[in-house]
Amino acid sequence: MTAADTGRCLCGHYRYRVEAPPLWVAYCHCESCRRATGSPAPCYTGFPEHAVHFDPAPPPTFASSPPVRRSFCEHCGTPLSYAAEFFPGELHLFRSNFERPGAYEPTRHVLFNEHEADFDIHDDLPRYGTEPGRIIAWGPRPALRVLFLCRQNSARSILAEAILNLRKARLGDRRVRAHSAGSEPAGEIDPGALALLSPHRYRLDRARSRSWDFFTTDEAPTIDWVITLCDEVAAEPCPAFPGDAGRRHWGLPDPATGAATFEDTWAAIEQRVDGFLEELGAR
């Protein structure tokens, strides 16, 4: 167990460890969380409840509203966890209470429609509102965004998105961010791709099989590069994505059909991604 997997309250009476990667990490802007924590945007890390272990015992909880229970240290007052009926089986911990909070990178803002008007965080992350799955804004910090495309967005493009994001590359003061989509999305990630992502502790809240139409709306971020990974999509007319995107085609056989192994596909994409970043001058 590393320091990244452990946390504590201010006085140290309560300590905890987690035995699974986070399901997600997000800033919450809702009024109730702001009032309960005294923070304009507390950052939560969501875990399977069974993977969180407190020492010497679970801290006391109170029902802050009928479906929500929050826990705290009765000695120093540190807020420690959040659980709700509408997040069954999950326990949400505070990123700032971990010994190494930087190990848990946020990927989104939620309930941003309730945010404090005079407060914002200078990042490049999506801001979600009350409507599930709907992005209402993007952070003001510029990023260089790469959109990987294949037909089903279930294997090759998912792996490319993950590999590029795992590099944590920067071009000047901009982070290089990867996204993926498909012309006919499968709606789920291929189990073979999931098996490769798991050892890298890649957070699956960052990866989902979705239509390329998602990146054509007014709420979509500006795309700098579009990279197709299958010949079928490369031959199709692409939608107009926001921005003057450069185009590349990395034709790779589909591991989901058995045309290649997932391991060989991972290695081929790694080589292409590293060459692409070197060409850009990213570090």
Foldseek 3Di string as FASTA:
>chain_A
DDLQQKFAFPVRQKIKGFDAFFLAKEWEQAPLVCVLQVDNTFIKTKDQPVRMDMPPHFADWDPPDVFKIWGAHPPPGGTAWIDGPVPPRMIIGTLVRGSCSVVHDHAEYEQCVNGDPVDDDQDFHFYYHDPPPDTPAGHPHDAAEEEEEDAAQAALRQLLQQLLVVVQKDDVPHTYHYHYEHQHHPFYHDVQRVVVVRVVSRRCVRGTYHHPVVQADPRHDAHAEYEYADPVVVPDDDDDGHYDHHYYYRHDDDVVVVPDPSVVSSVVSNVVSVVVCVVSVID
